[in-house]
Amino acid sequence: MHLDIPTLALVSLLMGIAASVGFTSLMAVLNTQKVLRIWVASIWVNTLGITLIGLRNHIPDVISIVVGNGLLVTGNILALKGIAQHLGLPMRWRWPCSLAAVYTSAIAWFAFASPNLGARLLAGSLQAMAFNFAYAYLLLRYSEPDIRKSCRIAGAVLMINGLFYLARVFVPLDPASSQDLTMAGMPVAATYVVGILATLASYFALLQLITERLMVDLRRAARTDGLTGLLNRSAIVAEGRAALERCLERGQPFALLIFDLDHFKQINDRWGHDAGDAVLRHVTQMLRKAIQWPHQLASRYGGEEFVVALPGATLVQGLEAAERLRLALAHSHARVGDQTIPVTASIGVATARQGTRFEHLVRQADQAMYRTKFDGRNGVSFAGDRDSRLAEAGDTRC
């Protein structure tokens, strides 16, 4: 079987164009995936670089060799930036840009000042190896639990790609090749075939990263309140039940807070619903600052009502958290344009006993919250035995 390097280069170019068009179409559909734009740009830049390299003998060598290879390393930098953003990491530009400058300078030197095809291929293999190892390191080291499966698969693929480029360093050139890559010999041609397969594997790994991230985003959207970013009602019920069950099994306490914003309808009537939304976002910020409890579950339960579950918290700790929140709200004002809107809340606190269901705990705290309202609002009440009996006897609000 004869492996023709120009033909393999054409196949690589056509595959790059197809991938560029395909991922661009995907980006048009998944326009909320900002990281996809970076990866699409990376693929297009790489494809343009391959095109320029493939046009050697038809365009000036400085454009084909130097600019073409410069575009390839630029595409790799963009891919690294995309992976860092996908993982929520800051991009460290120094070493990739330094490597790109050294690589491009080496390509120019061994193309014109001291022509050496073997040195150019060595430089190309080493830079590709470095970037693939960097991709794999980030994906395997910094992946979040929700996207770990796709990151591990992609990391393994890119690690194998890096090892391939490392092995290509030791592939001998045909002595008769001189400076003509098309005459580099069968071993070099074989690396083109493996390189095409490695690139295909990278594209599929990229698709897996995008798909799993999209699935995670959809799951989060389904369980999150769009205005505040807190859990929605169904999510707090599901996660609250599981957290309560774990605490009861381990003999740990469990406190739950319900609070309702005082006179919220008057805020909407006086300043409008946009102001009401701003107040709810302000309350969310105050909640996150005032209540910092390990593994807490915070939810916008409905309208202006919020639920906060504190696994492992005693009644005293629950009341302390509720008072911190009440004071934080009472001493702050939501800003809407030039207006400042005072905000207070009525809070009810309940704690679980053996056999307590999450639905009953919600109702106990709810009873305590309404007692706070009847007592004049802007306060904290805790559920007693009477609230517990009412909760057991009545319908739940879950």
Protein backbone atom coordinates (compact mmCIF):
# COMPACT_ATOMS: atom_id res chain seq x y z
CA MET A 1 0.00 0.00 0.00
CA HIS A 2 1.42 3.40 -1.01
CA LEU A 3 0.74 6.35 1.28
CA ASP A 4 0.87 9.60 -0.66
CA ILE A 5 1.61 12.60 1.60
CA PRO A 6 -0.05 15.22 -0.68
CA THR A 7 -3.22 13.12 -0.77
CA LEU A 8 -3.16 12.63 3.00
CA ALA A 9 -2.64 16.37 3.45
CA LEU A 10 -5.68 17.01 1.24
CA VAL A 11 -7.73 14.56 3.31
CA SER A 12 -6.62 16.37 6.49
CA LEU A 13 -7.60 19.71 4.95
CA LEU A 14 -11.04 18.49 3.86
CA MET A 15 -11.64 16.99 7.29
CA GLY A 16 -10.70 20.30 8.89
CA ILE A 17 -13.09 22.21 6.63
CA ALA A 18 -15.90 19.75 7.37
CA ALA A 19 -15.26 20.01 11.11
CA SER A 20 -15.15 23.81 10.92
CA VAL A 21 -18.47 23.98 9.09
CA GLY A 22 -20.04 21.37 11.39
CA PHE A 23 -18.97 23.04 14.62
CA THR A 24 -19.99 26.45 13.26
CA SER A 25 -23.47 25.07 12.57
CA LEU A 26 -23.53 23.62 16.08
CA MET A 27 -22.55 27.01 17.48
CA ALA A 28 -25.47 28.63 15.65
CA VAL A 29 -27.84 26.27 17.48
CA LEU A 30 -26.10 26.29 20.86
CA ASN A 31 -25.45 30.01 20.92
CA THR A 32 -25.56 30.11 24.72
CA GLN A 33 -22.42 27.96 24.94
CA LYS A 34 -19.83 30.75 24.86
CA VAL A 35 -16.88 28.39 25.09
CA LEU A 36 -18.01 26.78 21.83
CA ARG A 37 -17.20 30.04 20.03
CA ILE A 38 -13.59 29.79 21.14
CA TRP A 39 -13.30 26.19 20.01
CA VAL A 40 -14.90 27.00 16.65
CA ALA A 41 -12.41 29.83 16.17
CA SER A 42 -9.61 27.40 17.05
CA ILE A 43 -10.77 24.87 14.44
CA TRP A 44 -11.08 27.55 11.72
CA VAL A 45 -7.63 28.97 12.49
CA ASN A 46 -6.11 25.47 12.37
CA THR A 47 -7.88 24.76 9.09
CA LEU A 48 -6.56 28.00 7.58
CA GLY A 49 -3.07 27.08 8.76
CA ILE A 50 -3.32 23.62 7.15
CA THR A 51 -4.58 25.28 3.95
CA LEU A 52 -1.59 27.62 3.74
CA ILE A 53 0.86 24.80 4.41
CA GLY A 54 -0.85 22.70 1.74
CA LEU A 55 -0.49 25.51 -0.81
CA ARG A 56 3.30 25.46 -0.69
CA ASN A 57 4.81 25.89 -4.16
CA HIS A 58 1.68 27.90 -5.09
CA ILE A 59 2.17 30.78 -2.64
CA PRO A 60 5.34 32.35 -1.18
CA ASP A 61 7.14 30.06 1.27
CA VAL A 62 7.11 32.65 4.02
CA ILE A 63 3.28 32.59 3.94
CA SER A 64 3.00 28.84 3.54
CA ILE A 65 5.57 27.79 6.11
CA VAL A 66 5.86 30.60 8.64
CA VAL A 67 2.32 32.04 8.61
CA GLY A 68 0.76 28.59 8.21
CA ASN A 69 2.61 27.17 11.22
CA GLY A 70 1.95 30.36 13.16
CA LEU A 71 -1.77 29.84 12.61
CA LEU A 72 -1.52 26.22 13.78
CA VAL A 73 0.04 27.22 17.09
CA THR A 74 -2.47 30.08 17.44
CA GLY A 75 -5.28 27.57 17.00
CA ASN A 76 -3.75 25.47 19.77
CA ILE A 77 -3.65 28.49 22.08
CA LEU A 78 -7.32 29.16 21.38
CA ALA A 79 -8.15 25.52 22.12
CA LEU A 80 -6.30 25.82 25.44
CA LYS A 81 -8.23 29.00 26.24
CA GLY A 82 -11.48 27.16 25.49
CA ILE A 83 -10.61 24.27 27.80
CA ALA A 84 -9.65 26.67 30.60
CA GLN A 85 -12.95 28.52 30.22
CA HIS A 86 -14.87 25.24 30.06
CA LEU A 87 -13.36 24.34 33.45
CA GLY A 88 -13.84 27.82 34.90
CA LEU A 89 -10.08 28.45 35.16
CA PRO A 90 -8.15 31.64 34.43
CA MET A 91 -6.05 31.46 31.28
CA ARG A 92 -2.30 31.63 31.83
CA TRP A 93 -1.07 33.29 28.66
CA ARG A 94 2.66 33.52 29.33
CA TRP A 95 3.86 30.04 28.52
CA PRO A 96 1.56 29.40 25.51
CA CYS A 97 2.47 32.73 23.91
CA SER A 98 6.17 32.20 24.67
CA LEU A 99 6.01 28.72 23.15
CA ALA A 100 4.24 30.13 20.07
CA ALA A 101 6.92 32.81 19.61
CA VAL A 102 9.77 30.29 20.00
CA TYR A 103 8.06 27.79 17.69
CA THR A 104 7.34 30.29 14.92
CA SER A 105 10.89 31.66 15.14
CA ALA A 106 12.32 28.14 14.93
CA ILE A 107 10.17 27.33 11.90
CA ALA A 108 11.36 30.52 10.15
CA TRP A 109 14.99 29.82 11.03
CA PHE A 110 14.97 26.22 9.79
CA ALA A 111 13.05 27.19 6.67
CA PHE A 112 15.24 30.08 5.49
CA ALA A 113 18.33 30.81 7.59
CA SER A 114 19.41 27.17 8.03
CA PRO A 115 17.04 24.96 5.98
CA ASN A 116 16.33 21.71 7.80
CA LEU A 117 13.11 19.78 7.20
CA GLY A 118 13.80 17.37 10.07
CA ALA A 119 14.18 20.23 12.54
CA ARG A 120 10.87 21.73 11.38
CA LEU A 121 9.07 18.44 11.82
CA LEU A 122 10.69 18.03 15.25
CA ALA A 123 9.53 21.51 16.30
CA GLY A 124 6.02 20.81 15.04
CA SER A 125 5.83 17.52 16.93
CA LEU A 126 7.11 19.04 20.16
CA GLN A 127 4.69 21.98 20.17
CA ALA A 128 1.73 19.71 19.36
CA MET A 129 2.85 17.33 22.13
CA ALA A 130 3.14 20.19 24.64
CA PHE A 131 -0.35 21.51 23.92
CA ASN A 132 -2.00 18.09 23.97
CA PHE A 133 -0.37 17.27 27.32
CA ALA A 134 -1.53 20.68 28.63
CA TYR A 135 -5.10 20.01 27.46
CA ALA A 136 -5.08 16.59 29.11
CA TYR A 137 -3.59 17.91 32.36
CA LEU A 138 -6.27 20.60 32.76
CA LEU A 139 -9.12 18.22 31.95
CA LEU A 140 -7.92 15.46 34.27
CA ARG A 141 -6.80 17.74 37.10
CA TYR A 142 -9.52 20.40 37.30
CA SER A 143 -12.74 18.79 36.09
CA GLU A 144 -15.87 19.44 38.17
CA PRO A 145 -17.85 16.43 39.43
CA ASP A 146 -20.79 17.19 37.12
CA ILE A 147 -18.65 17.04 33.97
CA ARG A 148 -15.95 14.65 35.12
CA LYS A 149 -16.91 11.76 32.84
CA SER A 150 -16.50 13.69 29.57
CA CYS A 151 -13.36 15.43 30.90
CA ARG A 152 -11.74 12.09 31.71
CA ILE A 153 -12.54 10.69 28.30
CA ALA A 154 -11.31 13.81 26.51
CA GLY A 155 -8.23 13.95 28.75
CA ALA A 156 -7.35 10.35 27.94
CA VAL A 157 -7.77 10.97 24.20
CA LEU A 158 -5.60 14.08 24.28
CA MET A 159 -2.98 12.33 26.42
CA ILE A 160 -2.76 9.60 23.77
CA ASN A 161 -2.46 12.31 21.10
CA GLY A 162 0.41 13.85 23.04
CA LEU A 163 2.16 10.49 23.25
CA PHE A 164 1.70 10.07 19.50
CA TYR A 165 3.42 13.39 18.80
CA LEU A 166 6.18 12.40 21.21
CA ALA A 167 6.68 9.16 19.27
CA ARG A 168 6.70 11.09 15.98
CA VAL A 169 9.86 12.85 17.14
CA PHE A 170 11.74 9.58 16.56
CA VAL A 171 10.32 8.85 13.08
CA PRO A 172 13.20 8.92 10.53
CA LEU A 173 13.13 11.00 7.35
CA ASP A 174 13.94 9.59 3.95
CA PRO A 175 17.51 10.74 3.17
CA ALA A 176 16.40 11.68 -0.35
CA SER A 177 13.68 14.06 0.90
CA SER A 178 15.96 17.11 1.14
CA GLN A 179 13.58 19.96 2.07
CA ASP A 180 10.53 18.49 0.31
CA LEU A 181 7.96 17.18 2.80
CA THR A 182 6.18 15.19 0.07
CA MET A 183 9.30 13.05 -0.26
CA ALA A 184 9.74 12.47 3.49
CA GLY A 185 9.15 8.72 3.18
CA MET A 186 6.74 6.02 4.29
CA PRO A 187 7.23 6.37 8.09
CA VAL A 188 6.37 10.08 7.96
CA ALA A 189 3.39 9.34 5.71
CA ALA A 190 2.17 6.78 8.25
CA THR A 191 2.25 9.47 10.94
CA TYR A 192 -0.10 11.54 8.78
CA VAL A 193 -2.63 8.69 8.85
CA VAL A 194 -2.35 8.38 12.64
CA GLY A 195 -2.54 12.18 12.91
CA ILE A 196 -5.81 12.23 10.97
CA LEU A 197 -7.26 9.58 13.29
CA ALA A 198 -6.01 11.48 16.34
CA THR A 199 -7.65 14.67 15.09
CA LEU A 200 -10.93 12.83 14.54
CA ALA A 201 -10.76 11.46 18.08
CA SER A 202 -10.15 14.99 19.37
CA TYR A 203 -13.26 16.27 17.58
CA PHE A 204 -15.39 13.52 19.12
CA ALA A 205 -13.91 14.26 22.55
CA LEU A 206 -14.80 17.92 22.05
CA LEU A 207 -18.37 16.95 21.19
CA GLN A 208 -18.57 14.94 24.40
CA LEU A 209 -17.38 17.92 26.44
CA ILE A 210 -20.01 20.14 24.83
CA THR A 211 -22.79 17.56 25.23
CA GLU A 212 -22.18 16.84 28.90
CA ARG A 213 -21.87 20.56 29.71
CA LEU A 214 -25.18 21.17 27.94
CA MET A 215 -26.85 18.37 29.89
CA VAL A 216 -25.51 19.79 33.17
CA ASP A 217 -26.75 23.28 32.27
CA LEU A 218 -30.19 21.91 31.43
CA ARG A 219 -30.39 20.00 34.72
CA ARG A 220 -29.35 23.10 36.63
CA ALA A 221 -31.91 25.21 34.80
CA ALA A 222 -34.62 22.70 35.66
CA ARG A 223 -33.85 22.96 39.39
CA THR A 224 -32.95 26.63 39.66
CA ASP A 225 -35.05 29.75 39.98
CA GLY A 226 -34.25 31.93 37.00
CA LEU A 227 -34.46 35.25 38.86
CA THR A 228 -32.46 34.54 42.02
CA GLY A 229 -30.30 31.56 41.05
CA LEU A 230 -31.50 29.70 44.14
CA LEU A 231 -33.10 26.26 44.08
CA ASN A 232 -36.70 26.22 42.94
CA ARG A 233 -39.55 24.66 44.92
CA SER A 234 -39.35 21.15 43.48
CA ALA A 235 -35.57 21.06 43.89
CA ILE A 236 -35.59 22.10 47.56
CA VAL A 237 -38.25 19.50 48.34
CA ALA A 238 -36.28 16.72 46.62
CA GLU A 239 -32.89 17.70 48.04
CA GLY A 240 -34.34 18.62 51.43
CA ARG A 241 -35.91 15.19 51.82
CA ALA A 242 -32.60 13.50 51.02
CA ALA A 243 -30.60 15.77 53.34
CA LEU A 244 -33.09 15.30 56.21
CA GLU A 245 -33.02 11.54 55.79
CA ARG A 246 -29.21 11.50 55.98
CA CYS A 247 -29.21 13.64 59.13
CA LEU A 248 -31.80 11.46 60.87
CA GLU A 249 -29.90 8.28 59.97
CA ARG A 250 -26.72 9.75 61.50
CA GLY A 251 -28.46 11.20 64.53
CA GLN A 252 -27.65 14.75 63.49
CA PRO A 253 -29.93 17.78 63.97
CA PHE A 254 -31.63 19.56 61.07
CA ALA A 255 -33.03 23.09 61.09
CA LEU A 256 -35.25 24.73 58.52
CA LEU A 257 -36.07 28.41 58.01
CA ILE A 258 -38.96 29.90 56.09
CA PHE A 259 -39.16 33.64 55.61
CA ASP A 260 -41.54 35.90 53.77
CA LEU A 261 -40.84 39.52 52.77
CA ASP A 262 -43.04 42.00 54.61
CA HIS A 263 -45.45 44.11 52.54
CA PHE A 264 -43.95 42.88 49.26
CA LYS A 265 -47.20 43.57 47.36
CA GLN A 266 -46.88 47.23 48.30
CA ILE A 267 -43.38 47.28 46.78
CA ASN A 268 -44.73 45.94 43.49
CA ASP A 269 -47.70 48.32 43.55
CA ARG A 270 -45.61 51.40 44.35
CA TRP A 271 -42.40 50.84 42.36
CA GLY A 272 -43.42 48.23 39.80
CA HIS A 273 -42.54 44.59 39.20
CA ASP A 274 -39.02 45.39 37.99
CA ALA A 275 -38.35 46.91 41.40
CA GLY A 276 -39.86 43.82 43.00
CA ASP A 277 -37.45 41.64 41.03
CA ALA A 278 -34.55 43.85 42.14
CA VAL A 279 -35.64 43.43 45.76
CA LEU A 280 -35.72 39.64 45.39
CA ARG A 281 -32.19 39.65 43.96
CA HIS A 282 -31.06 41.89 46.82
CA VAL A 283 -32.60 39.52 49.36
CA THR A 284 -30.76 36.62 47.71
CA GLN A 285 -27.44 38.43 48.10
CA MET A 286 -28.15 39.18 51.76
CA LEU A 287 -29.17 35.58 52.36
CA ARG A 288 -25.90 34.26 50.95
CA LYS A 289 -23.86 36.69 53.04
CA ALA A 290 -25.77 36.28 56.30
CA ILE A 291 -26.21 32.49 56.29
CA GLN A 292 -23.02 30.64 55.51
CA TRP A 293 -23.68 27.10 56.65
CA PRO A 294 -21.95 23.98 55.31
CA HIS A 295 -24.12 22.20 52.74
CA GLN A 296 -27.04 24.61 53.20
CA LEU A 297 -29.94 24.45 50.75
CA ALA A 298 -31.51 27.80 49.86
CA SER A 299 -34.62 28.14 47.75
CA ARG A 300 -37.07 30.65 46.42
CA TYR A 301 -40.12 28.68 47.47
CA GLY A 302 -42.65 30.83 45.68
CA GLY A 303 -43.29 34.52 45.11
CA GLU A 304 -41.56 36.38 47.92
CA GLU A 305 -41.21 33.30 50.16
CA PHE A 306 -37.86 31.58 50.75
CA VAL A 307 -36.82 28.31 52.39
CA VAL A 308 -33.38 27.59 53.82
CA ALA A 309 -32.45 24.10 55.07
CA LEU A 310 -29.46 23.78 57.42
CA PRO A 311 -28.39 20.13 57.77
CA GLY A 312 -26.61 19.58 61.06
CA ALA A 313 -27.94 22.78 62.70
CA THR A 314 -29.59 22.76 66.12
CA LEU A 315 -32.53 24.97 67.05
CA VAL A 316 -30.18 27.52 68.64
CA GLN A 317 -28.00 27.61 65.53
CA GLY A 318 -31.06 27.90 63.31
CA LEU A 319 -32.38 30.82 65.37
CA GLU A 320 -28.97 32.52 65.28
CA ALA A 321 -28.85 32.16 61.49
CA ALA A 322 -32.39 33.51 61.20
CA GLU A 323 -31.56 36.53 63.38
CA ARG A 324 -28.43 37.28 61.33
CA LEU A 325 -30.54 37.22 58.20
CA ARG A 326 -33.26 39.40 59.72
CA LEU A 327 -30.74 42.02 60.83
CA ALA A 328 -28.92 41.95 57.48
CA LEU A 329 -32.18 42.64 55.66
CA ALA A 330 -33.45 45.25 58.11
CA HIS A 331 -30.17 47.20 58.01
CA SER A 332 -29.84 47.15 54.22
CA HIS A 333 -31.89 48.67 51.43
CA ALA A 334 -32.45 47.42 47.92
CA ARG A 335 -31.41 49.97 45.30
CA VAL A 336 -33.53 50.46 42.18
CA GLY A 337 -32.07 53.25 40.12
CA ASP A 338 -31.94 56.26 42.42
CA GLN A 339 -34.51 54.75 44.80
CA THR A 340 -33.73 52.85 48.01
CA ILE A 341 -36.35 50.38 49.17
CA PRO A 342 -36.39 49.12 52.78
CA VAL A 343 -36.81 45.37 53.18
CA THR A 344 -37.77 43.32 56.22
CA ALA A 345 -38.76 39.70 56.65
CA SER A 346 -40.82 37.50 58.95
CA ILE A 347 -39.00 34.26 59.71
CA GLY A 348 -40.08 30.92 61.09
CA VAL A 349 -37.67 28.23 62.31
CA ALA A 350 -38.32 24.54 62.89
CA THR A 351 -36.10 21.59 63.76
CA ALA A 352 -36.54 17.93 62.97
CA ARG A 353 -37.12 15.06 65.38
CA GLN A 354 -36.93 11.34 64.68
CA GLY A 355 -39.68 10.43 62.26
CA THR A 356 -40.19 14.00 61.01
CA ARG A 357 -40.88 14.27 57.32
CA PHE A 358 -39.56 17.19 55.33
CA GLU A 359 -43.08 18.24 54.39
CA HIS A 360 -44.06 18.41 58.06
CA LEU A 361 -40.94 20.43 58.86
CA VAL A 362 -41.87 22.96 56.18
CA ARG A 363 -45.34 23.28 57.62
CA GLN A 364 -44.01 23.72 61.17
CA ALA A 365 -41.71 26.53 60.07
CA ASP A 366 -44.57 28.01 58.07
CA GLN A 367 -46.80 28.09 61.14
CA ALA A 368 -44.02 29.83 63.08
CA MET A 369 -43.51 32.36 60.28
CA TYR A 370 -47.20 33.33 60.29
CA ARG A 371 -47.04 33.75 64.05
CA THR A 372 -44.22 36.24 63.45
CA LYS A 373 -46.45 38.14 61.02
CA PHE A 374 -49.29 38.26 63.53
CA ASP A 375 -46.87 39.54 66.18
CA GLY A 376 -45.93 42.54 64.04
CA ARG A 377 -43.52 41.23 61.35
CA ASN A 378 -39.74 41.75 61.07
CA GLY A 379 -39.00 39.06 63.64
CA VAL A 380 -38.13 35.42 64.25
CA SER A 381 -40.32 32.68 65.80
CA PHE A 382 -39.65 28.99 66.31
CA ALA A 383 -42.02 26.08 66.03
CA GLY A 384 -43.30 24.53 69.23
CA ASP A 385 -45.21 21.35 70.02
CA ARG A 386 -48.51 22.87 68.88
CA ASP A 387 -47.02 23.68 65.44
CA SER A 388 -45.69 20.15 65.24
CA ARG A 389 -49.12 18.64 65.95
CA LEU A 390 -50.77 20.93 63.39
CA ALA A 391 -48.20 19.97 60.81
CA GLU A 392 -48.70 16.28 61.43
CA ALA A 393 -52.49 16.64 61.18
CA GLY A 394 -52.74 19.09 58.30
CA ASP A 395 -52.03 18.96 54.62
CA THR A 396 -48.46 19.69 53.70
CA ARG A 397 -47.41 22.60 51.50
CA CYS A 398 -44.90 20.53 49.56
